[in-house]
Amino acid sequence: MTAQEVEVDGRRLRREQNREAVIDALLALFGEGNYSPSAAEIAERAGISARSLFRYFDDVDDLNRAAIERQLATIGPLRDPGVGADAPTTAKIDALVASRVRMHEAAGGAARAARACAHRHPVIAAQLEDARRYLRRQIIRLFEPEAGDQPALLAVLDALCSFETYELLRHGNGLSTARTEAALVEAMTALLQPEETR
């Protein structure tokens, strides 16, 4: 490897490290409740100059999209409850609620930020809708056997397991993670288990 190739590789590595530091900084700010940080705040947290911030991203939309994509990739494995539609209803409820609680806790700040700025950023709005669609299909796939010809029941289950409901229980009502999980299991059980089995 020539000295010039080493220098080019070094620059490429520094660029990638700085880009990742900017995403880390933005996600950290989201986690602290700052959903619209200034370029100066992001740059300061990342340890770079504000002037150089947009060497790594086209604009704020591009930066937000990259941060939310990173968060979605991180929580991706948490979306799988590990059960199929043929599992017992109670096992499906327990597994789905546990996976949603893990996912919502991990998504936290980025999920709040995405919802806060989606109306201004079509790319983020599309990412949110894709995620919602995936989670809705998951509910339908798992609980269609119990719901039968009651599509409204599946819609209620989807709403019950959403990030928005989780936020209301955890932060609006101050429930602990464990109590929130128990409340969701209880509500889903009441909706899905026939009277005679309760």
N, C-alpha and C. Protein backbone atom coordinates (compact mmCIF):
# COMPACT_ATOMS: atom_id res chain seq x y z
N MET A 1 0.84 -1.18 0.00
CA MET A 1 0.00 0.00 0.00
C MET A 1 0.88 1.24 0.00
N THR A 2 0.58 2.17 -0.91
CA THR A 2 1.39 3.38 -0.99
C THR A 2 1.00 4.36 0.11
N ALA A 3 1.88 5.35 0.32
CA ALA A 3 1.60 6.37 1.34
C ALA A 3 0.32 7.12 0.98
N GLN A 4 0.09 7.34 -0.32
CA GLN A 4 -1.11 8.06 -0.76
C GLN A 4 -2.37 7.23 -0.45
N GLU A 5 -2.30 5.92 -0.68
CA GLU A 5 -3.44 5.05 -0.40
C GLU A 5 -3.73 5.00 1.11
N VAL A 6 -2.68 4.98 1.91
CA VAL A 6 -2.84 5.00 3.36
C VAL A 6 -3.53 6.29 3.79
N GLU A 7 -3.09 7.40 3.20
CA GLU A 7 -3.68 8.70 3.54
C GLU A 7 -5.16 8.75 3.15
N VAL A 8 -5.50 8.22 1.95
CA VAL A 8 -6.89 8.21 1.49
C VAL A 8 -7.74 7.33 2.41
N ASP A 9 -7.20 6.15 2.76
CA ASP A 9 -7.92 5.26 3.68
C ASP A 9 -8.11 5.91 5.05
N GLY A 10 -7.10 6.61 5.52
CA GLY A 10 -7.19 7.30 6.81
C GLY A 10 -8.26 8.37 6.78
N ARG A 11 -8.32 9.13 5.68
CA ARG A 11 -9.34 10.17 5.55
C ARG A 11 -10.74 9.56 5.51
N ARG A 12 -10.85 8.46 4.77
CA ARG A 12 -12.14 7.77 4.66
C ARG A 12 -12.60 7.26 6.03
N LEU A 13 -11.67 6.69 6.79
CA LEU A 13 -11.98 6.19 8.12
C LEU A 13 -12.39 7.32 9.05
N ARG A 14 -11.64 8.44 9.02
CA ARG A 14 -11.99 9.59 9.86
C ARG A 14 -13.37 10.14 9.49
N ARG A 15 -13.64 10.20 8.20
CA ARG A 15 -14.95 10.68 7.74
C ARG A 15 -16.07 9.80 8.28
N GLU A 16 -15.88 8.47 8.18
CA GLU A 16 -16.90 7.54 8.67
C GLU A 16 -17.06 7.64 10.19
N GLN A 17 -15.93 7.78 10.90
CA GLN A 17 -15.99 7.92 12.36
C GLN A 17 -16.72 9.19 12.76
N ASN A 18 -16.43 10.29 12.05
CA ASN A 18 -17.10 11.56 12.35
C ASN A 18 -18.59 11.49 12.03
N ARG A 19 -18.91 10.83 10.93
CA ARG A 19 -20.33 10.66 10.55
C ARG A 19 -21.07 9.88 11.64
N GLU A 20 -20.47 8.79 12.11
CA GLU A 20 -21.09 7.98 13.17
C GLU A 20 -21.19 8.78 14.47
N ALA A 21 -20.18 9.61 14.76
CA ALA A 21 -20.21 10.44 15.97
C ALA A 21 -21.36 11.44 15.91
N VAL A 22 -21.63 11.98 14.74
CA VAL A 22 -22.74 12.92 14.58
C VAL A 22 -24.07 12.21 14.83
N ILE A 23 -24.23 11.02 14.28
CA ILE A 23 -25.47 10.25 14.50
C ILE A 23 -25.60 9.90 15.99
N ASP A 24 -24.50 9.45 16.61
CA ASP A 24 -24.52 9.16 18.05
C ASP A 24 -24.96 10.39 18.84
N ALA A 25 -24.41 11.54 18.46
CA ALA A 25 -24.72 12.79 19.17
C ALA A 25 -26.20 13.12 19.05
N LEU A 26 -26.73 13.00 17.85
CA LEU A 26 -28.14 13.32 17.64
C LEU A 26 -29.04 12.36 18.43
N LEU A 27 -28.72 11.07 18.40
CA LEU A 27 -29.52 10.10 19.16
C LEU A 27 -29.44 10.36 20.67
N ALA A 28 -28.26 10.77 21.13
CA ALA A 28 -28.11 11.11 22.56
C ALA A 28 -28.97 12.31 22.92
N LEU A 29 -29.00 13.32 22.06
CA LEU A 29 -29.83 14.50 22.31
C LEU A 29 -31.31 14.12 22.29
N PHE A 30 -31.70 13.27 21.34
CA PHE A 30 -33.08 12.77 21.33
C PHE A 30 -33.41 12.10 22.66
N GLY A 31 -32.47 11.27 23.12
CA GLY A 31 -32.68 10.54 24.37
C GLY A 31 -32.85 11.45 25.57
N GLU A 32 -32.30 12.66 25.48
CA GLU A 32 -32.42 13.64 26.57
C GLU A 32 -33.65 14.54 26.41
N GLY A 33 -34.43 14.27 25.36
CA GLY A 33 -35.65 15.05 25.17
C GLY A 33 -35.49 16.26 24.27
N ASN A 34 -34.33 16.42 23.65
CA ASN A 34 -34.11 17.53 22.72
C ASN A 34 -34.39 17.01 21.32
N TYR A 35 -35.60 17.23 20.81
CA TYR A 35 -36.02 16.63 19.54
C TYR A 35 -35.73 17.50 18.32
N SER A 36 -35.32 18.74 18.54
CA SER A 36 -34.94 19.62 17.44
C SER A 36 -33.66 20.36 17.79
N PRO A 37 -32.57 19.63 18.01
CA PRO A 37 -31.33 20.31 18.40
C PRO A 37 -30.77 21.13 17.24
N SER A 38 -30.07 22.19 17.59
CA SER A 38 -29.43 23.02 16.56
C SER A 38 -28.20 22.30 16.03
N ALA A 39 -27.73 22.75 14.88
CA ALA A 39 -26.51 22.19 14.30
C ALA A 39 -25.34 22.37 15.27
N ALA A 40 -25.31 23.51 15.96
CA ALA A 40 -24.22 23.77 16.91
C ALA A 40 -24.25 22.78 18.07
N GLU A 41 -25.46 22.46 18.56
CA GLU A 41 -25.58 21.50 19.67
C GLU A 41 -25.12 20.10 19.24
N ILE A 42 -25.54 19.71 18.04
CA ILE A 42 -25.16 18.39 17.54
C ILE A 42 -23.64 18.32 17.35
N ALA A 43 -23.08 19.35 16.72
CA ALA A 43 -21.64 19.37 16.45
C ALA A 43 -20.84 19.36 17.75
N GLU A 44 -21.27 20.15 18.72
CA GLU A 44 -20.56 20.20 20.00
C GLU A 44 -20.57 18.81 20.66
N ARG A 45 -21.73 18.16 20.66
CA ARG A 45 -21.84 16.83 21.26
C ARG A 45 -20.97 15.82 20.50
N ALA A 46 -20.86 15.99 19.19
CA ALA A 46 -20.08 15.06 18.36
C ALA A 46 -18.58 15.34 18.42
N GLY A 47 -18.21 16.52 18.94
CA GLY A 47 -16.80 16.86 19.01
C GLY A 47 -16.22 17.35 17.71
N ILE A 48 -17.08 17.96 16.88
CA ILE A 48 -16.61 18.53 15.61
C ILE A 48 -17.09 19.97 15.53
N SER A 49 -16.62 20.69 14.53
CA SER A 49 -17.06 22.08 14.38
C SER A 49 -18.43 22.09 13.69
N ALA A 50 -19.23 23.10 14.04
CA ALA A 50 -20.55 23.24 13.43
C ALA A 50 -20.43 23.38 11.91
N ARG A 51 -19.35 24.04 11.48
CA ARG A 51 -19.15 24.27 10.06
C ARG A 51 -18.96 22.95 9.30
N SER A 52 -18.35 21.97 9.97
CA SER A 52 -18.05 20.72 9.27
C SER A 52 -19.18 19.70 9.35
N LEU A 53 -20.22 20.01 10.14
CA LEU A 53 -21.32 19.04 10.34
C LEU A 53 -21.89 18.55 9.01
N PHE A 54 -22.12 19.47 8.09
CA PHE A 54 -22.79 19.09 6.85
C PHE A 54 -21.82 18.68 5.75
N ARG A 55 -20.59 18.36 6.15
CA ARG A 55 -19.70 17.64 5.23
C ARG A 55 -20.13 16.18 5.18
N TYR A 56 -20.81 15.74 6.23
CA TYR A 56 -21.17 14.34 6.37
C TYR A 56 -22.62 14.05 6.00
N PHE A 57 -23.45 15.10 5.95
CA PHE A 57 -24.86 14.94 5.62
C PHE A 57 -25.29 16.06 4.69
N ASP A 58 -26.23 15.76 3.80
CA ASP A 58 -26.69 16.76 2.84
C ASP A 58 -27.40 17.92 3.53
N ASP A 59 -28.24 17.59 4.50
CA ASP A 59 -29.02 18.60 5.22
C ASP A 59 -29.57 17.97 6.49
N VAL A 60 -30.40 18.71 7.22
CA VAL A 60 -30.97 18.21 8.47
C VAL A 60 -31.84 16.98 8.23
N ASP A 61 -32.60 16.98 7.14
CA ASP A 61 -33.44 15.82 6.81
C ASP A 61 -32.59 14.57 6.65
N ASP A 62 -31.47 14.72 5.96
CA ASP A 62 -30.58 13.57 5.73
C ASP A 62 -30.01 13.06 7.05
N LEU A 63 -29.65 13.98 7.93
CA LEU A 63 -29.13 13.59 9.25
C LEU A 63 -30.20 12.90 10.09
N ASN A 64 -31.40 13.48 10.14
CA ASN A 64 -32.50 12.85 10.88
C ASN A 64 -32.82 11.47 10.33
N ARG A 65 -32.86 11.36 9.02
CA ARG A 65 -33.16 10.06 8.39
C ARG A 65 -32.11 9.03 8.78
N ALA A 66 -30.84 9.43 8.74
CA ALA A 66 -29.75 8.50 9.08
C ALA A 66 -29.85 8.05 10.54
N ALA A 67 -30.18 8.98 11.43
CA ALA A 67 -30.30 8.64 12.85
C ALA A 67 -31.46 7.69 13.09
N ILE A 68 -32.58 7.95 12.45
CA ILE A 68 -33.75 7.09 12.65
C ILE A 68 -33.54 5.73 12.00
N GLU A 69 -32.87 5.71 10.85
CA GLU A 69 -32.53 4.42 10.22
C GLU A 69 -31.63 3.60 11.14
N ARG A 70 -30.67 4.25 11.77
CA ARG A 70 -29.77 3.56 12.71
C ARG A 70 -30.58 2.97 13.85
N GLN A 71 -31.50 3.78 14.40
CA GLN A 71 -32.32 3.31 15.52
C GLN A 71 -33.20 2.14 15.09
N LEU A 72 -33.78 2.22 13.90
CA LEU A 72 -34.61 1.12 13.41
C LEU A 72 -33.80 -0.15 13.24
N ALA A 73 -32.57 0.00 12.74
CA ALA A 73 -31.70 -1.18 12.59
C ALA A 73 -31.36 -1.78 13.94
N THR A 74 -31.17 -0.93 14.94
CA THR A 74 -30.84 -1.40 16.29
C THR A 74 -31.99 -2.17 16.91
N ILE A 75 -33.23 -1.66 16.71
CA ILE A 75 -34.37 -2.31 17.34
C ILE A 75 -34.96 -3.43 16.49
N GLY A 76 -34.49 -3.56 15.26
CA GLY A 76 -35.03 -4.59 14.36
C GLY A 76 -35.17 -5.96 14.99
N PRO A 77 -34.09 -6.49 15.60
CA PRO A 77 -34.20 -7.83 16.20
C PRO A 77 -35.20 -7.89 17.35
N LEU A 78 -35.51 -6.76 17.98
CA LEU A 78 -36.43 -6.75 19.11
C LEU A 78 -37.89 -6.86 18.66
N ARG A 79 -38.12 -6.69 17.35
CA ARG A 79 -39.50 -6.72 16.85
C ARG A 79 -40.06 -8.13 16.73
N ASP A 80 -39.19 -9.13 16.77
CA ASP A 80 -39.64 -10.52 16.60
C ASP A 80 -40.03 -11.12 17.95
N PRO A 81 -41.31 -11.44 18.14
CA PRO A 81 -41.71 -12.01 19.42
C PRO A 81 -41.30 -13.48 19.60
N GLY A 82 -40.89 -14.12 18.51
CA GLY A 82 -40.42 -15.49 18.62
C GLY A 82 -41.50 -16.54 18.75
N VAL A 83 -42.74 -16.19 18.41
CA VAL A 83 -43.83 -17.18 18.41
C VAL A 83 -44.58 -17.08 17.09
N GLY A 84 -45.28 -18.15 16.76
CA GLY A 84 -46.08 -18.17 15.54
C GLY A 84 -47.56 -18.09 15.85
N ALA A 85 -48.37 -17.96 14.82
CA ALA A 85 -49.82 -17.84 14.98
C ALA A 85 -50.44 -19.08 15.58
N ASP A 86 -49.75 -20.22 15.48
CA ASP A 86 -50.31 -21.47 16.00
C ASP A 86 -49.99 -21.70 17.48
N ALA A 87 -49.24 -20.81 18.11
CA ALA A 87 -48.93 -20.94 19.54
C ALA A 87 -50.19 -20.66 20.36
N PRO A 88 -50.23 -21.12 21.62
CA PRO A 88 -51.38 -20.80 22.48
C PRO A 88 -51.53 -19.29 22.63
N THR A 89 -52.76 -18.85 22.77
CA THR A 89 -53.05 -17.42 22.85
C THR A 89 -52.25 -16.74 23.96
N THR A 90 -52.21 -17.35 25.14
CA THR A 90 -51.49 -16.72 26.25
C THR A 90 -50.00 -16.58 25.94
N ALA A 91 -49.43 -17.59 25.27
CA ALA A 91 -48.01 -17.52 24.91
C ALA A 91 -47.77 -16.41 23.91
N LYS A 92 -48.68 -16.24 22.96
CA LYS A 92 -48.54 -15.17 21.96
C LYS A 92 -48.64 -13.80 22.62
N ILE A 93 -49.60 -13.66 23.52
CA ILE A 93 -49.76 -12.37 24.21
C ILE A 93 -48.49 -12.04 25.00
N ASP A 94 -48.04 -12.98 25.80
CA ASP A 94 -46.84 -12.74 26.63
C ASP A 94 -45.63 -12.38 25.77
N ALA A 95 -45.42 -13.16 24.70
CA ALA A 95 -44.25 -12.94 23.85
C ALA A 95 -44.33 -11.62 23.10
N LEU A 96 -45.51 -11.31 22.56
CA LEU A 96 -45.65 -10.06 21.80
C LEU A 96 -45.46 -8.85 22.72
N VAL A 97 -46.12 -8.86 23.87
CA VAL A 97 -46.01 -7.72 24.79
C VAL A 97 -44.57 -7.55 25.24
N ALA A 98 -43.90 -8.64 25.58
CA ALA A 98 -42.49 -8.54 26.02
C ALA A 98 -41.63 -7.94 24.92
N SER A 99 -41.85 -8.36 23.67
CA SER A 99 -41.02 -7.83 22.58
C SER A 99 -41.34 -6.36 22.32
N ARG A 100 -42.61 -5.97 22.42
CA ARG A 100 -42.97 -4.56 22.20
C ARG A 100 -42.40 -3.68 23.31
N VAL A 101 -42.44 -4.16 24.55
CA VAL A 101 -41.89 -3.37 25.65
C VAL A 101 -40.39 -3.15 25.45
N ARG A 102 -39.67 -4.22 25.10
CA ARG A 102 -38.22 -4.07 24.84
C ARG A 102 -37.98 -3.08 23.70
N MET A 103 -38.77 -3.22 22.63
CA MET A 103 -38.60 -2.37 21.47
C MET A 103 -38.91 -0.92 21.80
N HIS A 104 -40.03 -0.67 22.47
CA HIS A 104 -40.42 0.71 22.78
C HIS A 104 -39.42 1.36 23.74
N GLU A 105 -38.90 0.60 24.70
CA GLU A 105 -37.90 1.15 25.62
C GLU A 105 -36.62 1.50 24.86
N ALA A 106 -36.20 0.63 23.95
CA ALA A 106 -34.97 0.87 23.18
C ALA A 106 -35.13 2.04 22.22
N ALA A 107 -36.32 2.18 21.63
CA ALA A 107 -36.55 3.23 20.63
C ALA A 107 -36.65 4.60 21.27
N GLY A 108 -37.26 4.67 22.45
CA GLY A 108 -37.41 5.88 23.24
C GLY A 108 -37.27 7.21 22.55
N GLY A 109 -36.11 7.85 22.76
CA GLY A 109 -35.89 9.21 22.27
C GLY A 109 -36.04 9.36 20.77
N ALA A 110 -35.51 8.41 20.02
CA ALA A 110 -35.60 8.52 18.55
C ALA A 110 -37.05 8.39 18.10
N ALA A 111 -37.82 7.53 18.76
CA ALA A 111 -39.23 7.37 18.39
C ALA A 111 -40.00 8.65 18.68
N ARG A 112 -39.71 9.28 19.82
CA ARG A 112 -40.37 10.55 20.15
C ARG A 112 -39.98 11.64 19.15
N ALA A 113 -38.69 11.68 18.82
CA ALA A 113 -38.21 12.69 17.87
C ALA A 113 -38.85 12.49 16.50
N ALA A 114 -38.94 11.24 16.07
CA ALA A 114 -39.53 10.96 14.75
C ALA A 114 -40.97 11.45 14.71
N ARG A 115 -41.71 11.21 15.77
CA ARG A 115 -43.11 11.64 15.81
C ARG A 115 -43.22 13.16 15.90
N ALA A 116 -42.28 13.78 16.60
CA ALA A 116 -42.32 15.24 16.75
C ALA A 116 -42.01 15.97 15.45
N CYS A 117 -41.18 15.37 14.60
CA CYS A 117 -40.78 16.11 13.39
C CYS A 117 -41.29 15.47 12.09
N ALA A 118 -42.08 14.42 12.17
CA ALA A 118 -42.55 13.74 10.95
C ALA A 118 -43.35 14.68 10.04
N HIS A 119 -44.12 15.59 10.64
CA HIS A 119 -44.94 16.49 9.83
C HIS A 119 -44.10 17.43 8.97
N ARG A 120 -42.83 17.63 9.34
CA ARG A 120 -41.94 18.51 8.57
C ARG A 120 -41.01 17.74 7.64
N HIS A 121 -40.94 16.42 7.84
CA HIS A 121 -39.97 15.62 7.09
C HIS A 121 -40.65 14.41 6.45
N PRO A 122 -40.98 14.49 5.17
CA PRO A 122 -41.69 13.40 4.50
C PRO A 122 -40.95 12.05 4.57
N VAL A 123 -39.63 12.08 4.54
CA VAL A 123 -38.87 10.82 4.60
C VAL A 123 -39.08 10.15 5.96
N ILE A 124 -39.04 10.93 7.01
CA ILE A 124 -39.25 10.39 8.36
C ILE A 124 -40.69 9.90 8.51
N ALA A 125 -41.64 10.67 7.98
CA ALA A 125 -43.05 10.25 8.03
C ALA A 125 -43.22 8.91 7.33
N ALA A 126 -42.53 8.73 6.20
CA ALA A 126 -42.62 7.46 5.46
C ALA A 126 -41.99 6.31 6.26
N GLN A 127 -40.85 6.59 6.92
CA GLN A 127 -40.21 5.56 7.75
C GLN A 127 -41.14 5.13 8.89
N LEU A 128 -41.79 6.10 9.50
CA LEU A 128 -42.73 5.80 10.59
C LEU A 128 -43.89 4.95 10.09
N GLU A 129 -44.42 5.32 8.95
CA GLU A 129 -45.55 4.57 8.40
C GLU A 129 -45.14 3.15 8.04
N ASP A 130 -43.94 2.98 7.50
CA ASP A 130 -43.44 1.62 7.19
C ASP A 130 -43.35 0.79 8.46
N ALA A 131 -42.82 1.39 9.53
CA ALA A 131 -42.70 0.66 10.81
C ALA A 131 -44.07 0.31 11.37
N ARG A 132 -45.00 1.26 11.31
CA ARG A 132 -46.36 0.99 11.80
C ARG A 132 -47.02 -0.13 11.00
N ARG A 133 -46.83 -0.10 9.69
CA ARG A 133 -47.42 -1.12 8.82
C ARG A 133 -46.88 -2.50 9.17
N TYR A 134 -45.58 -2.58 9.39
CA TYR A 134 -44.95 -3.85 9.75
C TYR A 134 -45.56 -4.38 11.06
N LEU A 135 -45.65 -3.52 12.07
CA LEU A 135 -46.16 -3.93 13.38
C LEU A 135 -47.65 -4.29 13.31
N ARG A 136 -48.40 -3.59 12.47
CA ARG A 136 -49.82 -3.90 12.28
C ARG A 136 -49.97 -5.28 11.65
N ARG A 137 -49.17 -5.56 10.63
CA ARG A 137 -49.23 -6.88 9.98
C ARG A 137 -48.86 -7.99 10.96
N GLN A 138 -47.93 -7.69 11.86
CA GLN A 138 -47.52 -8.67 12.87
C GLN A 138 -48.70 -9.03 13.77
N ILE A 139 -49.45 -8.03 14.21
CA ILE A 139 -50.64 -8.26 15.03
C ILE A 139 -51.65 -9.12 14.27
N ILE A 140 -51.89 -8.76 13.02
CA ILE A 140 -52.86 -9.51 12.21
C ILE A 140 -52.42 -10.96 12.05
N ARG A 141 -51.14 -11.15 11.73
CA ARG A 141 -50.62 -12.52 11.53
C ARG A 141 -50.75 -13.36 12.79
N LEU A 142 -50.43 -12.77 13.93
CA LEU A 142 -50.45 -13.54 15.18
C LEU A 142 -51.86 -13.81 15.70
N PHE A 143 -52.75 -12.81 15.59
CA PHE A 143 -54.03 -12.92 16.30
C PHE A 143 -55.26 -13.04 15.40
N GLU A 144 -55.06 -13.19 14.11
CA GLU A 144 -56.20 -13.42 13.21
C GLU A 144 -56.97 -14.67 13.60
N PRO A 145 -56.29 -15.76 14.03
CA PRO A 145 -57.07 -16.95 14.43
C PRO A 145 -58.07 -16.65 15.56
N GLU A 146 -57.67 -15.83 16.52
CA GLU A 146 -58.57 -15.48 17.62
C GLU A 146 -59.61 -14.44 17.19
N ALA A 147 -59.22 -13.50 16.34
CA ALA A 147 -60.12 -12.41 15.96
C ALA A 147 -61.20 -12.86 14.99
N GLY A 148 -60.89 -13.85 14.18
CA GLY A 148 -61.88 -14.33 13.22
C GLY A 148 -62.35 -13.21 12.31
N ASP A 149 -63.66 -12.98 12.29
CA ASP A 149 -64.21 -11.95 11.41
C ASP A 149 -64.44 -10.63 12.16
N GLN A 150 -63.53 -10.29 13.05
CA GLN A 150 -63.63 -9.04 13.82
C GLN A 150 -62.41 -8.15 13.54
N PRO A 151 -62.37 -7.51 12.38
CA PRO A 151 -61.21 -6.66 12.07
C PRO A 151 -61.03 -5.52 13.06
N ALA A 152 -62.12 -5.06 13.67
CA ALA A 152 -62.00 -3.97 14.66
C ALA A 152 -61.19 -4.43 15.87
N LEU A 153 -61.30 -5.71 16.22
CA LEU A 153 -60.53 -6.24 17.35
C LEU A 153 -59.04 -6.17 17.04
N LEU A 154 -58.68 -6.51 15.82
CA LEU A 154 -57.26 -6.44 15.43
C LEU A 154 -56.77 -4.99 15.45
N ALA A 155 -57.64 -4.06 15.05
CA ALA A 155 -57.27 -2.64 15.09
C ALA A 155 -57.06 -2.17 16.52
N VAL A 156 -57.90 -2.64 17.44
CA VAL A 156 -57.75 -2.28 18.86
C VAL A 156 -56.46 -2.85 19.42
N LEU A 157 -56.13 -4.10 19.06
CA LEU A 157 -54.88 -4.71 19.52
C LEU A 157 -53.68 -3.93 18.99
N ASP A 158 -53.77 -3.50 17.74
CA ASP A 158 -52.69 -2.71 17.14
C ASP A 158 -52.49 -1.41 17.92
N ALA A 159 -53.60 -0.73 18.24
CA ALA A 159 -53.51 0.52 19.01
C ALA A 159 -52.97 0.27 20.42
N LEU A 160 -53.40 -0.80 21.02
CA LEU A 160 -52.98 -1.14 22.39
C LEU A 160 -51.48 -1.38 22.46
N CYS A 161 -50.91 -1.97 21.41
CA CYS A 161 -49.48 -2.32 21.40
C CYS A 161 -48.60 -1.25 20.76
N SER A 162 -49.17 -0.10 20.46
CA SER A 162 -48.42 0.96 19.77
C SER A 162 -47.48 1.70 20.71
N PHE A 163 -46.53 2.40 20.11
CA PHE A 163 -45.61 3.23 20.89
C PHE A 163 -46.37 4.32 21.64
N GLU A 164 -47.39 4.88 20.99
CA GLU A 164 -48.14 5.97 21.60
C GLU A 164 -48.83 5.50 22.89
N THR A 165 -49.43 4.30 22.85
CA THR A 165 -50.07 3.77 24.06
C THR A 165 -49.03 3.49 25.13
N TYR A 166 -47.90 2.94 24.70
CA TYR A 166 -46.82 2.64 25.65
C TYR A 166 -46.35 3.92 26.34
N GLU A 167 -46.16 4.98 25.56
CA GLU A 167 -45.73 6.26 26.13
C GLU A 167 -46.75 6.80 27.12
N LEU A 168 -48.02 6.66 26.80
CA LEU A 168 -49.07 7.16 27.69
C LEU A 168 -49.05 6.39 29.02
N LEU A 169 -48.89 5.09 28.95
CA LEU A 169 -48.85 4.29 30.17
C LEU A 169 -47.58 4.57 30.99
N ARG A 170 -46.43 4.58 30.30
CA ARG A 170 -45.14 4.73 31.00
C ARG A 170 -44.92 6.14 31.52
N HIS A 171 -45.14 7.12 30.65
CA HIS A 171 -44.77 8.48 31.01
C HIS A 171 -45.97 9.35 31.36
N GLY A 172 -47.08 9.13 30.67
CA GLY A 172 -48.28 9.91 31.01
C GLY A 172 -48.87 9.49 32.34
N ASN A 173 -48.87 8.18 32.60
CA ASN A 173 -49.46 7.66 33.84
C ASN A 173 -48.41 7.22 34.85
N GLY A 174 -47.15 7.29 34.49
CA GLY A 174 -46.07 7.01 35.43
C GLY A 174 -45.92 5.56 35.84
N LEU A 175 -46.39 4.63 35.01
CA LEU A 175 -46.24 3.21 35.36
C LEU A 175 -44.80 2.76 35.11
N SER A 176 -44.34 1.82 35.91
CA SER A 176 -43.02 1.23 35.68
C SER A 176 -43.08 0.37 34.42
N THR A 177 -41.92 -0.02 33.93
CA THR A 177 -41.88 -0.91 32.77
C THR A 177 -42.62 -2.20 33.06
N ALA A 178 -42.37 -2.79 34.23
CA ALA A 178 -43.01 -4.06 34.59
C ALA A 178 -44.52 -3.91 34.71
N ARG A 179 -44.97 -2.81 35.31
CA ARG A 179 -46.41 -2.60 35.47
C ARG A 179 -47.07 -2.34 34.12
N THR A 180 -46.38 -1.62 33.25
CA THR A 180 -46.90 -1.38 31.91
C THR A 180 -47.06 -2.69 31.16
N GLU A 181 -46.03 -3.53 31.24
CA GLU A 181 -46.09 -4.83 30.57
C GLU A 181 -47.26 -5.65 31.11
N ALA A 182 -47.42 -5.68 32.43
CA ALA A 182 -48.51 -6.44 33.04
C ALA A 182 -49.87 -5.90 32.60
N ALA A 183 -50.00 -4.57 32.53
CA ALA A 183 -51.27 -3.96 32.13
C ALA A 183 -51.62 -4.31 30.68
N LEU A 184 -50.62 -4.31 29.81
CA LEU A 184 -50.86 -4.66 28.41
C LEU A 184 -51.27 -6.13 28.27
N VAL A 185 -50.58 -6.99 29.00
CA VAL A 185 -50.94 -8.42 28.97
C VAL A 185 -52.37 -8.60 29.46
N GLU A 186 -52.71 -7.94 30.54
CA GLU A 186 -54.06 -8.05 31.11
C GLU A 186 -55.12 -7.57 30.12
N ALA A 187 -54.86 -6.43 29.48
CA ALA A 187 -55.82 -5.88 28.52
C ALA A 187 -55.98 -6.79 27.30
N MET A 188 -54.86 -7.29 26.78
CA MET A 188 -54.94 -8.16 25.61
C MET A 188 -55.63 -9.48 25.95
N THR A 189 -55.37 -9.99 27.14
CA THR A 189 -56.01 -11.24 27.57
C THR A 189 -57.52 -11.04 27.67
N ALA A 190 -57.94 -9.92 28.23
CA ALA A 190 -59.37 -9.64 28.35
C ALA A 190 -60.04 -9.56 26.98
N LEU A 191 -59.31 -9.04 25.99
CA LEU A 191 -59.87 -8.92 24.65
C LEU A 191 -59.88 -10.23 23.87
N LEU A 192 -58.88 -11.06 24.10
CA LEU A 192 -58.68 -12.24 23.25
C LEU A 192 -59.14 -13.56 23.83
N GLN A 193 -59.17 -13.67 25.14
CA GLN A 193 -59.53 -14.95 25.74
C GLN A 193 -61.04 -15.04 25.89
N PRO A 194 -61.64 -16.13 25.42
CA PRO A 194 -63.09 -16.30 25.59
C PRO A 194 -63.45 -16.31 27.08
N GLU A 195 -64.64 -15.85 27.42
CA GLU A 195 -65.08 -15.77 28.81
C GLU A 195 -64.86 -17.06 29.58
N GLU A 196 -65.18 -18.19 28.93
CA GLU A 196 -65.14 -19.45 29.67
C GLU A 196 -63.72 -19.87 30.04
N THR A 197 -62.69 -19.29 29.39
CA THR A 197 -61.32 -19.69 29.72
C THR A 197 -60.67 -18.72 30.69
N ARG A 198 -61.37 -17.62 31.04
CA ARG A 198 -60.79 -16.65 31.94
C ARG A 198 -61.12 -16.95 33.39
